[in-house]
Amino acid sequence: MHAPRVLFGTLRIFFACTFFDIDFSILYEFAKDKNAVLALRYSQDIARYGLVNTNSNFKIESFTEKGNLPANFIDGYINGGIYYFKKQTLAPLYQKFVRNNVSMENDIFPLLINAGNLYGLPCGGGFIDI
């Protein structure tokens, strides 16, 4: 994580094994007063992806991994692989993860959820899991 030395303002991360055609102006408008936002995609087959659990204000409360889904869960929102972060959100994590391999899903997202700083924005648009 060398990001704090080179980032100014915001960071946009695109997951390399998905294509998600979203309207970025809507994402940026939603993220104006938030520290971290994930683009969410509705799926009728969450067994393949897992589930993003949000409250009514779209604050992410948890992730349910694909192998741990209850049998009656069929559809819902999945992680679309597009992330928007304000620099000040990630900067405090720098010392914790410097010179370590870091997983957004396993290391960063749980910390942001616990701090109440992670939101999900449901987005339409073409989605391809590569």
N, C-alpha and C. Protein backbone atom coordinates (compact mmCIF):
# COMPACT_ATOMS: atom_id res chain seq x y z
N MET A 1 0.84 -1.18 0.00
CA MET A 1 0.00 0.00 0.00
C MET A 1 0.89 1.25 0.00
N HIS A 2 1.21 1.71 -1.17
CA HIS A 2 2.00 2.93 -1.31
C HIS A 2 1.11 4.10 -1.71
N ALA A 3 -0.16 3.90 -1.71
CA ALA A 3 -1.12 4.89 -2.19
C ALA A 3 -1.05 6.24 -1.49
N PRO A 4 -0.88 6.35 -0.17
CA PRO A 4 -0.90 7.67 0.45
C PRO A 4 0.12 8.65 -0.11
N ARG A 5 1.21 8.15 -0.67
CA ARG A 5 2.22 9.05 -1.21
C ARG A 5 1.85 9.62 -2.57
N VAL A 6 0.93 8.98 -3.27
CA VAL A 6 0.65 9.41 -4.64
C VAL A 6 -0.79 9.85 -4.88
N LEU A 7 -1.67 9.65 -3.95
CA LEU A 7 -3.08 9.96 -4.16
C LEU A 7 -3.41 11.38 -3.74
N PHE A 8 -4.32 11.96 -4.48
CA PHE A 8 -4.82 13.28 -4.12
C PHE A 8 -6.32 13.24 -4.25
N GLY A 9 -7.03 13.40 -3.15
CA GLY A 9 -8.48 13.47 -3.20
C GLY A 9 -9.17 12.13 -3.14
N THR A 10 -9.31 11.47 -4.29
CA THR A 10 -10.06 10.22 -4.33
C THR A 10 -9.26 9.14 -5.05
N LEU A 11 -9.67 7.92 -4.80
CA LEU A 11 -9.07 6.76 -5.45
C LEU A 11 -10.20 5.95 -6.06
N ARG A 12 -10.02 5.57 -7.28
CA ARG A 12 -11.00 4.70 -7.94
C ARG A 12 -10.30 3.39 -8.25
N ILE A 13 -10.90 2.28 -7.84
CA ILE A 13 -10.32 0.96 -8.07
C ILE A 13 -11.30 0.17 -8.93
N PHE A 14 -10.75 -0.49 -9.94
CA PHE A 14 -11.55 -1.32 -10.83
C PHE A 14 -11.02 -2.75 -10.74
N PHE A 15 -11.88 -3.67 -10.38
CA PHE A 15 -11.50 -5.07 -10.24
C PHE A 15 -11.24 -5.62 -11.64
N ALA A 16 -10.12 -6.26 -11.83
CA ALA A 16 -9.67 -6.64 -13.16
C ALA A 16 -10.44 -7.80 -13.80
N CYS A 17 -11.23 -8.54 -13.06
CA CYS A 17 -11.91 -9.67 -13.70
C CYS A 17 -13.42 -9.46 -13.82
N THR A 18 -13.85 -8.21 -13.87
CA THR A 18 -15.24 -7.91 -14.20
C THR A 18 -15.28 -6.72 -15.15
N PHE A 19 -16.34 -6.66 -15.92
CA PHE A 19 -16.65 -5.48 -16.72
C PHE A 19 -18.03 -5.03 -16.26
N PHE A 20 -18.12 -3.79 -15.81
CA PHE A 20 -19.38 -3.27 -15.29
C PHE A 20 -19.56 -1.88 -15.87
N ASP A 21 -20.52 -1.74 -16.75
CA ASP A 21 -20.76 -0.49 -17.47
C ASP A 21 -21.73 0.38 -16.67
N ILE A 22 -21.17 1.21 -15.78
CA ILE A 22 -22.02 2.05 -14.94
C ILE A 22 -21.90 3.51 -15.35
N ASP A 23 -22.82 4.31 -14.87
CA ASP A 23 -22.76 5.76 -15.06
C ASP A 23 -21.96 6.34 -13.89
N PHE A 24 -20.72 6.71 -14.15
CA PHE A 24 -19.84 7.17 -13.09
C PHE A 24 -20.31 8.49 -12.47
N SER A 25 -21.04 9.30 -13.22
CA SER A 25 -21.52 10.55 -12.63
C SER A 25 -22.50 10.27 -11.48
N ILE A 26 -23.27 9.22 -11.59
CA ILE A 26 -24.19 8.84 -10.51
C ILE A 26 -23.40 8.33 -9.31
N LEU A 27 -22.38 7.54 -9.56
CA LEU A 27 -21.53 7.06 -8.47
C LEU A 27 -20.86 8.22 -7.75
N TYR A 28 -20.30 9.16 -8.48
CA TYR A 28 -19.61 10.30 -7.87
C TYR A 28 -20.58 11.18 -7.08
N GLU A 29 -21.78 11.36 -7.59
CA GLU A 29 -22.78 12.17 -6.88
C GLU A 29 -23.16 11.49 -5.56
N PHE A 30 -23.39 10.18 -5.60
CA PHE A 30 -23.74 9.43 -4.39
C PHE A 30 -22.60 9.47 -3.38
N ALA A 31 -21.37 9.43 -3.85
CA ALA A 31 -20.20 9.33 -2.98
C ALA A 31 -19.74 10.66 -2.40
N LYS A 32 -20.33 11.77 -2.81
CA LYS A 32 -19.86 13.09 -2.36
C LYS A 32 -19.70 13.20 -0.85
N ASP A 33 -20.65 12.68 -0.11
CA ASP A 33 -20.61 12.81 1.35
C ASP A 33 -20.29 11.49 2.05
N LYS A 34 -19.64 10.57 1.31
CA LYS A 34 -19.30 9.26 1.87
C LYS A 34 -17.81 9.01 1.71
N ASN A 35 -17.27 8.17 2.56
CA ASN A 35 -15.83 7.88 2.53
C ASN A 35 -15.46 6.75 1.58
N ALA A 36 -16.36 5.78 1.43
CA ALA A 36 -16.06 4.63 0.58
C ALA A 36 -17.36 4.08 0.01
N VAL A 37 -17.36 3.81 -1.30
CA VAL A 37 -18.56 3.32 -1.97
C VAL A 37 -18.17 2.20 -2.93
N LEU A 38 -18.95 1.14 -2.92
CA LEU A 38 -18.82 0.05 -3.89
C LEU A 38 -20.00 0.11 -4.85
N ALA A 39 -19.74 -0.10 -6.12
CA ALA A 39 -20.82 -0.24 -7.10
C ALA A 39 -21.39 -1.65 -6.95
N LEU A 40 -22.69 -1.75 -6.73
CA LEU A 40 -23.35 -3.04 -6.56
C LEU A 40 -24.15 -3.38 -7.80
N ARG A 41 -24.22 -4.65 -8.10
CA ARG A 41 -24.98 -5.13 -9.25
C ARG A 41 -26.01 -6.13 -8.76
N TYR A 42 -27.25 -5.98 -9.22
CA TYR A 42 -28.29 -6.95 -8.88
C TYR A 42 -28.04 -8.23 -9.67
N SER A 43 -28.15 -9.37 -8.99
CA SER A 43 -27.98 -10.66 -9.66
C SER A 43 -29.10 -11.60 -9.24
N GLN A 44 -29.58 -12.35 -10.19
CA GLN A 44 -30.59 -13.36 -9.89
C GLN A 44 -29.96 -14.68 -9.46
N ASP A 45 -28.62 -14.72 -9.43
CA ASP A 45 -27.91 -15.93 -9.06
C ASP A 45 -26.75 -15.59 -8.12
N ILE A 46 -27.07 -15.24 -6.88
CA ILE A 46 -26.02 -14.85 -5.94
C ILE A 46 -25.18 -16.04 -5.49
N ALA A 47 -25.63 -17.26 -5.73
CA ALA A 47 -24.85 -18.44 -5.35
C ALA A 47 -23.50 -18.42 -6.05
N ARG A 48 -23.42 -17.79 -7.17
CA ARG A 48 -22.17 -17.71 -7.94
C ARG A 48 -21.23 -16.64 -7.39
N TYR A 49 -21.78 -15.63 -6.68
CA TYR A 49 -20.98 -14.46 -6.30
C TYR A 49 -20.91 -14.19 -4.80
N GLY A 50 -21.93 -14.53 -4.06
CA GLY A 50 -22.06 -14.06 -2.68
C GLY A 50 -23.02 -12.89 -2.65
N LEU A 51 -23.19 -12.29 -1.49
CA LEU A 51 -24.21 -11.26 -1.29
C LEU A 51 -23.64 -10.09 -0.50
N VAL A 52 -24.02 -8.88 -0.91
CA VAL A 52 -23.69 -7.68 -0.16
C VAL A 52 -24.94 -7.28 0.61
N ASN A 53 -24.85 -7.23 1.92
CA ASN A 53 -25.99 -6.90 2.78
C ASN A 53 -25.91 -5.42 3.17
N THR A 54 -26.95 -4.65 2.81
CA THR A 54 -26.99 -3.23 3.13
C THR A 54 -28.23 -2.92 3.96
N ASN A 55 -28.19 -1.74 4.62
CA ASN A 55 -29.39 -1.27 5.29
C ASN A 55 -30.17 -0.38 4.33
N SER A 56 -31.22 0.26 4.81
CA SER A 56 -32.08 1.07 3.94
C SER A 56 -31.39 2.32 3.41
N ASN A 57 -30.28 2.72 4.03
CA ASN A 57 -29.50 3.87 3.55
C ASN A 57 -28.32 3.44 2.69
N PHE A 58 -28.29 2.18 2.33
CA PHE A 58 -27.24 1.58 1.50
C PHE A 58 -25.89 1.49 2.19
N LYS A 59 -25.88 1.59 3.51
CA LYS A 59 -24.64 1.34 4.25
C LYS A 59 -24.44 -0.17 4.27
N ILE A 60 -23.25 -0.61 3.90
CA ILE A 60 -22.97 -2.04 3.87
C ILE A 60 -22.78 -2.53 5.30
N GLU A 61 -23.54 -3.56 5.64
CA GLU A 61 -23.48 -4.13 6.98
C GLU A 61 -22.64 -5.39 7.03
N SER A 62 -22.60 -6.12 5.91
CA SER A 62 -21.81 -7.35 5.88
C SER A 62 -21.76 -7.90 4.45
N PHE A 63 -20.89 -8.85 4.28
CA PHE A 63 -20.81 -9.63 3.05
C PHE A 63 -21.07 -11.08 3.43
N THR A 64 -21.83 -11.78 2.61
CA THR A 64 -22.03 -13.21 2.80
C THR A 64 -21.35 -13.90 1.63
N GLU A 65 -20.33 -14.69 1.92
CA GLU A 65 -19.57 -15.36 0.87
C GLU A 65 -20.43 -16.43 0.20
N LYS A 66 -20.11 -16.72 -1.04
CA LYS A 66 -20.94 -17.63 -1.84
C LYS A 66 -21.13 -19.01 -1.21
N GLY A 67 -20.19 -19.53 -0.49
CA GLY A 67 -20.35 -20.84 0.14
C GLY A 67 -21.16 -20.81 1.43
N ASN A 68 -21.47 -19.62 1.93
CA ASN A 68 -22.17 -19.48 3.21
C ASN A 68 -23.58 -18.91 3.09
N LEU A 69 -24.13 -18.89 1.91
CA LEU A 69 -25.47 -18.32 1.70
C LEU A 69 -26.55 -19.25 2.23
N PRO A 70 -27.55 -18.71 2.90
CA PRO A 70 -28.70 -19.53 3.30
C PRO A 70 -29.40 -20.09 2.06
N ALA A 71 -29.98 -21.26 2.18
CA ALA A 71 -30.59 -21.94 1.03
C ALA A 71 -31.71 -21.12 0.39
N ASN A 72 -32.40 -20.28 1.16
CA ASN A 72 -33.53 -19.54 0.61
C ASN A 72 -33.10 -18.20 -0.03
N PHE A 73 -31.82 -17.90 -0.05
CA PHE A 73 -31.33 -16.68 -0.70
C PHE A 73 -31.00 -17.01 -2.15
N ILE A 74 -31.68 -16.36 -3.08
CA ILE A 74 -31.49 -16.64 -4.49
C ILE A 74 -30.92 -15.43 -5.22
N ASP A 75 -31.51 -14.26 -4.96
CA ASP A 75 -31.09 -13.06 -5.67
C ASP A 75 -30.74 -11.96 -4.69
N GLY A 76 -30.06 -10.94 -5.21
CA GLY A 76 -29.68 -9.81 -4.38
C GLY A 76 -28.54 -9.04 -5.02
N TYR A 77 -27.90 -8.20 -4.23
CA TYR A 77 -26.82 -7.36 -4.75
C TYR A 77 -25.46 -8.01 -4.51
N ILE A 78 -24.62 -7.92 -5.54
CA ILE A 78 -23.27 -8.46 -5.49
C ILE A 78 -22.26 -7.33 -5.65
N ASN A 79 -21.04 -7.59 -5.28
CA ASN A 79 -19.95 -6.65 -5.45
C ASN A 79 -19.64 -6.53 -6.95
N GLY A 80 -19.79 -5.32 -7.49
CA GLY A 80 -19.56 -5.11 -8.92
C GLY A 80 -18.12 -4.88 -9.29
N GLY A 81 -17.23 -4.78 -8.31
CA GLY A 81 -15.81 -4.65 -8.61
C GLY A 81 -15.33 -3.24 -8.92
N ILE A 82 -16.16 -2.23 -8.65
CA ILE A 82 -15.76 -0.84 -8.82
C ILE A 82 -15.87 -0.17 -7.46
N TYR A 83 -14.75 0.41 -6.99
CA TYR A 83 -14.68 0.99 -5.66
C TYR A 83 -14.26 2.45 -5.75
N TYR A 84 -14.84 3.26 -4.87
CA TYR A 84 -14.52 4.69 -4.78
C TYR A 84 -14.15 4.99 -3.34
N PHE A 85 -12.95 5.51 -3.13
CA PHE A 85 -12.49 5.82 -1.78
C PHE A 85 -11.98 7.25 -1.71
N LYS A 86 -12.25 7.90 -0.61
CA LYS A 86 -11.59 9.17 -0.33
C LYS A 86 -10.25 8.85 0.32
N LYS A 87 -9.24 9.62 -0.03
CA LYS A 87 -7.90 9.35 0.45
C LYS A 87 -7.83 9.24 1.97
N GLN A 88 -8.52 10.13 2.67
CA GLN A 88 -8.43 10.12 4.13
C GLN A 88 -9.03 8.86 4.74
N THR A 89 -9.79 8.10 3.97
CA THR A 89 -10.36 6.85 4.46
C THR A 89 -9.31 5.75 4.49
N LEU A 90 -8.47 5.70 3.47
CA LEU A 90 -7.46 4.66 3.39
C LEU A 90 -6.14 5.04 4.07
N ALA A 91 -5.84 6.32 4.14
CA ALA A 91 -4.55 6.75 4.69
C ALA A 91 -4.27 6.20 6.08
N PRO A 92 -5.24 6.17 7.02
CA PRO A 92 -4.94 5.63 8.36
C PRO A 92 -4.59 4.14 8.35
N LEU A 93 -4.97 3.43 7.29
CA LEU A 93 -4.69 2.00 7.21
C LEU A 93 -3.30 1.70 6.69
N TYR A 94 -2.63 2.72 6.20
CA TYR A 94 -1.32 2.54 5.58
C TYR A 94 -0.34 1.85 6.52
N GLN A 95 -0.18 2.34 7.73
CA GLN A 95 0.78 1.75 8.66
C GLN A 95 0.43 0.30 9.01
N LYS A 96 -0.83 -0.01 9.05
CA LYS A 96 -1.25 -1.38 9.39
C LYS A 96 -0.85 -2.38 8.31
N PHE A 97 -0.86 -1.94 7.06
CA PHE A 97 -0.65 -2.88 5.96
C PHE A 97 0.62 -2.63 5.15
N VAL A 98 1.44 -1.67 5.53
CA VAL A 98 2.64 -1.37 4.75
C VAL A 98 3.51 -2.63 4.64
N ARG A 99 3.96 -2.89 3.43
CA ARG A 99 4.81 -4.04 3.10
C ARG A 99 4.14 -5.39 3.32
N ASN A 100 2.84 -5.43 3.27
CA ASN A 100 2.09 -6.68 3.39
C ASN A 100 1.19 -6.85 2.18
N ASN A 101 0.87 -8.08 1.88
CA ASN A 101 -0.16 -8.33 0.88
C ASN A 101 -1.49 -7.97 1.50
N VAL A 102 -2.32 -7.29 0.74
CA VAL A 102 -3.59 -6.80 1.26
C VAL A 102 -4.73 -7.25 0.35
N SER A 103 -5.77 -7.75 0.97
CA SER A 103 -6.99 -8.10 0.25
C SER A 103 -8.05 -7.06 0.60
N MET A 104 -8.61 -6.43 -0.42
CA MET A 104 -9.68 -5.46 -0.16
C MET A 104 -10.82 -6.14 0.58
N GLU A 105 -11.23 -7.31 0.09
CA GLU A 105 -12.39 -7.99 0.64
C GLU A 105 -12.15 -8.52 2.06
N ASN A 106 -10.97 -9.05 2.33
CA ASN A 106 -10.71 -9.68 3.62
C ASN A 106 -10.07 -8.76 4.66
N ASP A 107 -9.35 -7.73 4.21
CA ASP A 107 -8.62 -6.86 5.13
C ASP A 107 -9.23 -5.47 5.26
N ILE A 108 -9.49 -4.83 4.14
CA ILE A 108 -9.93 -3.42 4.15
C ILE A 108 -11.44 -3.30 4.40
N PHE A 109 -12.25 -4.03 3.65
CA PHE A 109 -13.70 -3.89 3.78
C PHE A 109 -14.21 -4.15 5.20
N PRO A 110 -13.75 -5.20 5.89
CA PRO A 110 -14.25 -5.39 7.27
C PRO A 110 -13.94 -4.22 8.19
N LEU A 111 -12.77 -3.60 8.04
CA LEU A 111 -12.43 -2.43 8.86
C LEU A 111 -13.36 -1.25 8.55
N LEU A 112 -13.65 -1.05 7.27
CA LEU A 112 -14.55 0.05 6.88
C LEU A 112 -15.97 -0.21 7.34
N ILE A 113 -16.42 -1.45 7.29
CA ILE A 113 -17.76 -1.79 7.78
C ILE A 113 -17.84 -1.53 9.28
N ASN A 114 -16.85 -1.98 10.02
CA ASN A 114 -16.84 -1.78 11.47
C ASN A 114 -16.84 -0.30 11.85
N ALA A 115 -16.22 0.53 11.00
CA ALA A 115 -16.18 1.97 11.26
C ALA A 115 -17.43 2.67 10.71
N GLY A 116 -18.31 1.94 10.04
CA GLY A 116 -19.51 2.53 9.45
C GLY A 116 -19.22 3.39 8.24
N ASN A 117 -18.14 3.09 7.53
CA ASN A 117 -17.70 3.94 6.41
C ASN A 117 -17.85 3.32 5.03
N LEU A 118 -18.55 2.22 4.89
CA LEU A 118 -18.64 1.57 3.58
C LEU A 118 -20.09 1.53 3.12
N TYR A 119 -20.32 2.06 1.92
CA TYR A 119 -21.66 2.11 1.33
C TYR A 119 -21.66 1.36 0.01
N GLY A 120 -22.84 0.94 -0.40
CA GLY A 120 -23.01 0.30 -1.70
C GLY A 120 -24.05 1.04 -2.50
N LEU A 121 -23.75 1.27 -3.76
CA LEU A 121 -24.70 1.94 -4.65
C LEU A 121 -25.18 0.95 -5.70
N PRO A 122 -26.46 0.57 -5.67
CA PRO A 122 -26.98 -0.30 -6.73
C PRO A 122 -26.90 0.41 -8.08
N CYS A 123 -26.31 -0.26 -9.04
CA CYS A 123 -26.12 0.31 -10.37
C CYS A 123 -26.64 -0.64 -11.43
N GLY A 124 -27.19 -0.09 -12.48
CA GLY A 124 -27.57 -0.89 -13.65
C GLY A 124 -26.41 -0.90 -14.61
N GLY A 125 -26.63 -1.42 -15.77
CA GLY A 125 -25.58 -1.46 -16.78
C GLY A 125 -25.11 -2.87 -17.02
N GLY A 126 -24.47 -3.04 -18.15
CA GLY A 126 -23.97 -4.36 -18.51
C GLY A 126 -22.94 -4.86 -17.50
N PHE A 127 -22.97 -6.14 -17.21
CA PHE A 127 -22.04 -6.73 -16.26
C PHE A 127 -21.56 -8.06 -16.82
N ILE A 128 -20.25 -8.20 -16.88
CA ILE A 128 -19.65 -9.46 -17.33
C ILE A 128 -18.61 -9.88 -16.31
N ASP A 129 -18.75 -11.08 -15.78
CA ASP A 129 -17.75 -11.64 -14.89
C ASP A 129 -16.77 -12.41 -15.76
N ILE A 130 -15.58 -11.86 -15.88
CA ILE A 130 -14.59 -12.43 -16.82
C ILE A 130 -13.90 -13.62 -16.19
